[in-house]
Amino acid sequence: MDVFTAISQRCSVRAYKATDVEEDKLKKILEAARLSPSASNRQDWKFIVVRNKETRNKLAKAAFGQSFIGEAPVVIVACGTDSKAMLACGQPMHTVDVSIACAYMILQAYELGLGTCWIGAFKEDETKKILNVPEHVRVVAMTPLGYPNQPPSQKSRKSLDQIICFEKYEI
C-alpha cells in the first residue's frame, strides 16, 4: 500500500475486535513515531502503551465516556515532555511534534490492517493521574488501536478549491 492510499482510505474506528495486536505490528507502529520529524530533532515525547483492560476503561471514562476506547486491546497515549518549548512561529513545540508522530503511527497502523481513532476529547488531569504522568508533561492525544469491528465509514472532505489559496489568503 502506498502512502496516498493509506491517507485516502483510512477512517476513524469506533468499534474493535477483542483480538490482540501482534507485538511486531505494535513495534512497527511505535517505530513510525520514533522516525517521525520533530523540531530540531528533539524528540521530546513519550508514548504510553496501555494494554491493561481496567486502565483502558479508566481512560475511556476520562475521555468523556467514549467506551470504545476501552474496547480496543491497546491504547497509545502520546505525551510531550517539554511543554515550555515554542517554535519560532509561536506554536507550542510539543503539540506540533507529537501530532506529527501520532499521524505517522495512525497511517502505519492502517497499512498493517489495524484501526485507530484520534482522541483529543479527554480530561488531561484525569488521564495524567491514571497513568502517573508528571505535571510538566502534556498529554496531547491518545488513540485506541486494534482490529476494526465495523465496516469503514465514508468520510466527507471539502474540495481542494475550498481549502487552497495561492500566493495569499483568500476568503
C-alpha atoms as a PDB file:
ATOM      1  CA  MET A   1       0.000   0.000   0.000  1.00  0.00           C
ATOM      2  CA  ASP A   2       1.332   3.432  -0.849  1.00  0.00           C
ATOM      3  CA  VAL A   3       1.069   6.421   1.478  1.00  0.00           C
ATOM      4  CA  PHE A   4      -1.634   8.191  -0.535  1.00  0.00           C
ATOM      5  CA  THR A   5      -3.829   5.095  -0.442  1.00  0.00           C
ATOM      6  CA  ALA A   6      -3.479   4.933   3.336  1.00  0.00           C
ATOM      7  CA  ILE A   7      -4.301   8.642   3.628  1.00  0.00           C
ATOM      8  CA  SER A   8      -7.336   8.432   1.357  1.00  0.00           C
ATOM      9  CA  GLN A   9      -8.804   5.207   2.763  1.00  0.00           C
ATOM     10  CA  ARG A  10      -8.076   5.422   6.491  1.00  0.00           C
ATOM     11  CA  CYS A  11     -11.034   6.278   8.703  1.00  0.00           C
ATOM     12  CA  SER A  12     -11.668   6.589  12.430  1.00  0.00           C
ATOM     13  CA  VAL A  13     -12.618   3.287  14.040  1.00  0.00           C
ATOM     14  CA  ARG A  14     -15.000   3.272  16.993  1.00  0.00           C
ATOM     15  CA  ALA A  15     -15.570  -0.491  17.356  1.00  0.00           C
ATOM     16  CA  TYR A  16     -12.820  -3.048  17.882  1.00  0.00           C
ATOM     17  CA  LYS A  17     -12.486  -6.823  17.904  1.00  0.00           C
ATOM     18  CA  ALA A  18     -11.130  -8.410  21.075  1.00  0.00           C
ATOM     19  CA  THR A  19      -8.188  -9.763  19.036  1.00  0.00           C
ATOM     20  CA  ASP A  20      -4.778  -8.863  20.455  1.00  0.00           C
ATOM     21  CA  VAL A  21      -2.421  -6.675  18.428  1.00  0.00           C
ATOM     22  CA  GLU A  22       0.670  -8.636  17.453  1.00  0.00           C
ATOM     23  CA  GLU A  23       3.898  -7.444  19.076  1.00  0.00           C
ATOM     24  CA  ASP A  24       5.704  -6.999  15.736  1.00  0.00           C
ATOM     25  CA  LYS A  25       2.896  -4.788  14.419  1.00  0.00           C
ATOM     26  CA  LEU A  26       2.860  -2.693  17.593  1.00  0.00           C
ATOM     27  CA  LYS A  27       6.632  -2.229  17.385  1.00  0.00           C
ATOM     28  CA  LYS A  28       6.386  -1.129  13.759  1.00  0.00           C
ATOM     29  CA  ILE A  29       3.718   1.436  14.689  1.00  0.00           C
ATOM     30  CA  LEU A  30       5.842   2.778  17.538  1.00  0.00           C
ATOM     31  CA  GLU A  31       8.878   2.835  15.247  1.00  0.00           C
ATOM     32  CA  ALA A  32       6.896   5.064  12.860  1.00  0.00           C
ATOM     33  CA  ALA A  33       6.511   7.564  15.708  1.00  0.00           C
ATOM     34  CA  ARG A  34      10.198   7.342  16.581  1.00  0.00           C
ATOM     35  CA  LEU A  35      11.190   8.082  12.988  1.00  0.00           C
ATOM     36  CA  SER A  36       8.793  10.997  12.546  1.00  0.00           C
ATOM     37  CA  PRO A  37      10.179  14.527  12.277  1.00  0.00           C
ATOM     38  CA  SER A  38      10.394  16.841  15.258  1.00  0.00           C
ATOM     39  CA  ALA A  39      11.647  20.390  15.721  1.00  0.00           C
ATOM     40  CA  SER A  40      15.448  20.380  15.853  1.00  0.00           C
ATOM     41  CA  ASN A  41      15.163  16.573  16.045  1.00  0.00           C
ATOM     42  CA  ARG A  42      14.485  16.991  19.776  1.00  0.00           C
ATOM     43  CA  GLN A  43      12.042  14.078  20.007  1.00  0.00           C
ATOM     44  CA  ASP A  44      10.533  15.497  23.202  1.00  0.00           C
ATOM     45  CA  TRP A  45       7.881  12.808  23.519  1.00  0.00           C
ATOM     46  CA  LYS A  46       6.820   9.673  25.332  1.00  0.00           C
ATOM     47  CA  PHE A  47       4.233   7.169  24.152  1.00  0.00           C
ATOM     48  CA  ILE A  48       2.465   5.125  26.808  1.00  0.00           C
ATOM     49  CA  VAL A  49       1.212   1.766  25.558  1.00  0.00           C
ATOM     50  CA  VAL A  50      -1.757   0.665  27.649  1.00  0.00           C
ATOM     51  CA  ARG A  51      -2.954  -2.943  27.422  1.00  0.00           C
ATOM     52  CA  ASN A  52      -4.483  -3.389  30.873  1.00  0.00           C
ATOM     53  CA  LYS A  53      -8.277  -3.530  30.480  1.00  0.00           C
ATOM     54  CA  GLU A  54      -9.017  -1.728  33.742  1.00  0.00           C
ATOM     55  CA  THR A  55      -6.669   1.113  32.800  1.00  0.00           C
ATOM     56  CA  ARG A  56      -8.141   1.318  29.280  1.00  0.00           C
ATOM     57  CA  ASN A  57     -11.617   1.618  30.792  1.00  0.00           C
ATOM     58  CA  LYS A  58     -10.407   4.396  33.103  1.00  0.00           C
ATOM     59  CA  LEU A  59      -9.007   6.222  30.070  1.00  0.00           C
ATOM     60  CA  ALA A  60     -12.373   5.820  28.329  1.00  0.00           C
ATOM     61  CA  LYS A  61     -14.072   7.453  31.320  1.00  0.00           C
ATOM     62  CA  ALA A  62     -11.503  10.282  31.299  1.00  0.00           C
ATOM     63  CA  ALA A  63     -12.342  10.714  27.604  1.00  0.00           C
ATOM     64  CA  PHE A  64     -15.889  11.740  28.467  1.00  0.00           C
ATOM     65  CA  GLY A  65     -17.185   8.185  28.492  1.00  0.00           C
ATOM     66  CA  GLN A  66     -16.111   7.181  24.975  1.00  0.00           C
ATOM     67  CA  SER A  67     -16.450   3.477  25.782  1.00  0.00           C
ATOM     68  CA  PHE A  68     -14.971   2.245  22.503  1.00  0.00           C
ATOM     69  CA  ILE A  69     -11.563   3.381  23.779  1.00  0.00           C
ATOM     70  CA  GLY A  70     -11.708   0.676  26.432  1.00  0.00           C
ATOM     71  CA  GLU A  71     -12.829  -1.935  23.865  1.00  0.00           C
ATOM     72  CA  ALA A  72      -9.606  -1.698  21.871  1.00  0.00           C
ATOM     73  CA  PRO A  73      -6.887  -4.121  23.015  1.00  0.00           C
ATOM     74  CA  VAL A  74      -4.332  -1.272  23.076  1.00  0.00           C
ATOM     75  CA  VAL A  75      -4.485   2.446  23.760  1.00  0.00           C
ATOM     76  CA  ILE A  76      -1.492   4.623  22.921  1.00  0.00           C
ATOM     77  CA  VAL A  77      -1.258   7.861  24.902  1.00  0.00           C
ATOM     78  CA  ALA A  78       1.023  10.458  23.327  1.00  0.00           C
ATOM     79  CA  CYS A  79       2.812  12.939  25.577  1.00  0.00           C
ATOM     80  CA  GLY A  80       5.014  15.970  25.022  1.00  0.00           C
ATOM     81  CA  THR A  81       7.862  16.037  27.529  1.00  0.00           C
ATOM     82  CA  ASP A  82       8.886  19.688  27.129  1.00  0.00           C
ATOM     83  CA  SER A  83       5.750  21.774  27.450  1.00  0.00           C
ATOM     84  CA  LYS A  84       7.586  25.111  27.587  1.00  0.00           C
ATOM     85  CA  ALA A  85       9.444  24.951  24.241  1.00  0.00           C
ATOM     86  CA  MET A  86       7.968  27.105  21.490  1.00  0.00           C
ATOM     87  CA  LEU A  87       8.518  27.119  17.757  1.00  0.00           C
ATOM     88  CA  ALA A  88       9.739  30.395  16.254  1.00  0.00           C
ATOM     89  CA  CYS A  89       6.247  30.873  14.786  1.00  0.00           C
ATOM     90  CA  GLY A  90       4.746  30.887  18.298  1.00  0.00           C
ATOM     91  CA  GLN A  91       3.195  27.407  18.325  1.00  0.00           C
ATOM     92  CA  PRO A  92       3.920  25.042  21.228  1.00  0.00           C
ATOM     93  CA  MET A  93       6.571  22.609  20.000  1.00  0.00           C
ATOM     94  CA  HIS A  94       5.137  19.608  21.851  1.00  0.00           C
ATOM     95  CA  THR A  95       1.710  19.928  20.251  1.00  0.00           C
ATOM     96  CA  VAL A  96       3.106  20.032  16.727  1.00  0.00           C
ATOM     97  CA  ASP A  97       5.765  17.341  17.159  1.00  0.00           C
ATOM     98  CA  VAL A  98       3.555  14.847  18.985  1.00  0.00           C
ATOM     99  CA  SER A  99       0.751  15.393  16.460  1.00  0.00           C
ATOM    100  CA  ILE A 100       3.095  14.565  13.592  1.00  0.00           C
ATOM    101  CA  ALA A 101       4.249  11.405  15.391  1.00  0.00           C
ATOM    102  CA  CYS A 102       0.631  10.375  16.009  1.00  0.00           C
ATOM    103  CA  ALA A 103      -0.221  10.861  12.344  1.00  0.00           C
ATOM    104  CA  TYR A 104       2.689   8.624  11.358  1.00  0.00           C
ATOM    105  CA  MET A 105       1.532   5.938  13.820  1.00  0.00           C
ATOM    106  CA  ILE A 106      -2.053   6.101  12.607  1.00  0.00           C
ATOM    107  CA  LEU A 107      -1.048   5.705   8.954  1.00  0.00           C
ATOM    108  CA  GLN A 108       1.303   2.833   9.791  1.00  0.00           C
ATOM    109  CA  ALA A 109      -1.448   1.131  11.769  1.00  0.00           C
ATOM    110  CA  TYR A 110      -3.826   1.376   8.807  1.00  0.00           C
ATOM    111  CA  GLU A 111      -1.229  -0.090   6.463  1.00  0.00           C
ATOM    112  CA  LEU A 112      -0.959  -3.061   8.870  1.00  0.00           C
ATOM    113  CA  GLY A 113      -4.734  -3.628   8.868  1.00  0.00           C
ATOM    114  CA  LEU A 114      -5.344  -2.016  12.260  1.00  0.00           C
ATOM    115  CA  GLY A 115      -7.811   0.691  13.198  1.00  0.00           C
ATOM    116  CA  THR A 116      -7.309   3.864  15.219  1.00  0.00           C
ATOM    117  CA  CYS A 117      -9.227   6.966  16.232  1.00  0.00           C
ATOM    118  CA  TRP A 118      -7.501  10.234  17.090  1.00  0.00           C
ATOM    119  CA  ILE A 119      -8.770  11.204  20.547  1.00  0.00           C
ATOM    120  CA  GLY A 120      -8.398  14.808  21.627  1.00  0.00           C
ATOM    121  CA  ALA A 121     -11.506  14.920  23.811  1.00  0.00           C
ATOM    122  CA  PHE A 122     -10.274  13.866  27.238  1.00  0.00           C
ATOM    123  CA  LYS A 123      -9.659  15.345  30.652  1.00  0.00           C
ATOM    124  CA  GLU A 124      -5.918  15.767  30.744  1.00  0.00           C
ATOM    125  CA  ASP A 125      -5.669  15.963  34.540  1.00  0.00           C
ATOM    126  CA  GLU A 126      -7.552  12.657  34.959  1.00  0.00           C
ATOM    127  CA  THR A 127      -5.528  10.993  32.208  1.00  0.00           C
ATOM    128  CA  LYS A 128      -2.282  12.109  33.833  1.00  0.00           C
ATOM    129  CA  LYS A 129      -3.412  10.763  37.202  1.00  0.00           C
ATOM    130  CA  ILE A 130      -4.395   7.373  35.741  1.00  0.00           C
ATOM    131  CA  LEU A 131      -1.021   6.991  34.000  1.00  0.00           C
ATOM    132  CA  ASN A 132       1.237   8.702  36.562  1.00  0.00           C
ATOM    133  CA  VAL A 133       2.267  11.382  34.046  1.00  0.00           C
ATOM    134  CA  PRO A 134       4.393  14.146  35.641  1.00  0.00           C
ATOM    135  CA  GLU A 135       2.865  17.595  35.967  1.00  0.00           C
ATOM    136  CA  HIS A 136       5.261  19.260  33.482  1.00  0.00           C
ATOM    137  CA  VAL A 137       4.444  16.714  30.736  1.00  0.00           C
ATOM    138  CA  ARG A 138       1.440  17.345  28.466  1.00  0.00           C
ATOM    139  CA  VAL A 139      -0.879  14.660  27.171  1.00  0.00           C
ATOM    140  CA  VAL A 140      -1.515  15.690  23.559  1.00  0.00           C
ATOM    141  CA  ALA A 141      -3.615  12.840  22.190  1.00  0.00           C
ATOM    142  CA  MET A 142      -4.482   9.199  22.527  1.00  0.00           C
ATOM    143  CA  THR A 143      -5.625   6.540  20.128  1.00  0.00           C
ATOM    144  CA  PRO A 144      -7.222   3.175  20.621  1.00  0.00           C
ATOM    145  CA  LEU A 145      -5.523   0.541  18.469  1.00  0.00           C
ATOM    146  CA  GLY A 146      -6.941  -2.756  17.294  1.00  0.00           C
ATOM    147  CA  TYR A 147      -8.677  -4.669  14.556  1.00  0.00           C
ATOM    148  CA  PRO A 148     -11.809  -2.897  13.316  1.00  0.00           C
ATOM    149  CA  ASN A 149     -15.140  -4.493  14.162  1.00  0.00           C
ATOM    150  CA  GLN A 150     -17.118  -2.290  11.785  1.00  0.00           C
ATOM    151  CA  PRO A 151     -17.149  -1.572   8.070  1.00  0.00           C
ATOM    152  CA  PRO A 152     -15.208   1.555   7.102  1.00  0.00           C
ATOM    153  CA  SER A 153     -17.260   4.743   7.118  1.00  0.00           C
ATOM    154  CA  GLN A 154     -17.204   7.179   4.256  1.00  0.00           C
ATOM    155  CA  LYS A 155     -15.590  10.431   5.215  1.00  0.00           C
ATOM    156  CA  SER A 156     -16.621  13.671   3.626  1.00  0.00           C
ATOM    157  CA  ARG A 157     -13.948  16.162   2.806  1.00  0.00           C
ATOM    158  CA  LYS A 158     -14.039  19.664   1.398  1.00  0.00           C
ATOM    159  CA  SER A 159     -12.863  20.077  -2.181  1.00  0.00           C
ATOM    160  CA  LEU A 160      -9.385  21.453  -2.875  1.00  0.00           C
ATOM    161  CA  ASP A 161     -10.793  24.761  -4.146  1.00  0.00           C
ATOM    162  CA  GLN A 162     -12.461  25.260  -0.731  1.00  0.00           C
ATOM    163  CA  ILE A 163      -9.220  24.907   1.208  1.00  0.00           C
ATOM    164  CA  ILE A 164      -6.400  26.056  -1.068  1.00  0.00           C
ATOM    165  CA  CYS A 165      -5.278  29.624  -1.790  1.00  0.00           C
ATOM    166  CA  PHE A 166      -2.387  30.683  -3.974  1.00  0.00           C
ATOM    167  CA  GLU A 167       0.039  33.459  -3.146  1.00  0.00           C
ATOM    168  CA  LYS A 168      -2.130  34.975  -0.361  1.00  0.00           C
ATOM    169  CA  TYR A 169      -5.015  34.118   1.944  1.00  0.00           C
ATOM    170  CA  GLU A 170      -8.384  34.458   0.293  1.00  0.00           C
ATOM    171  CA  ILE A 171     -11.834  34.206   1.816  1.00  0.00           C
END
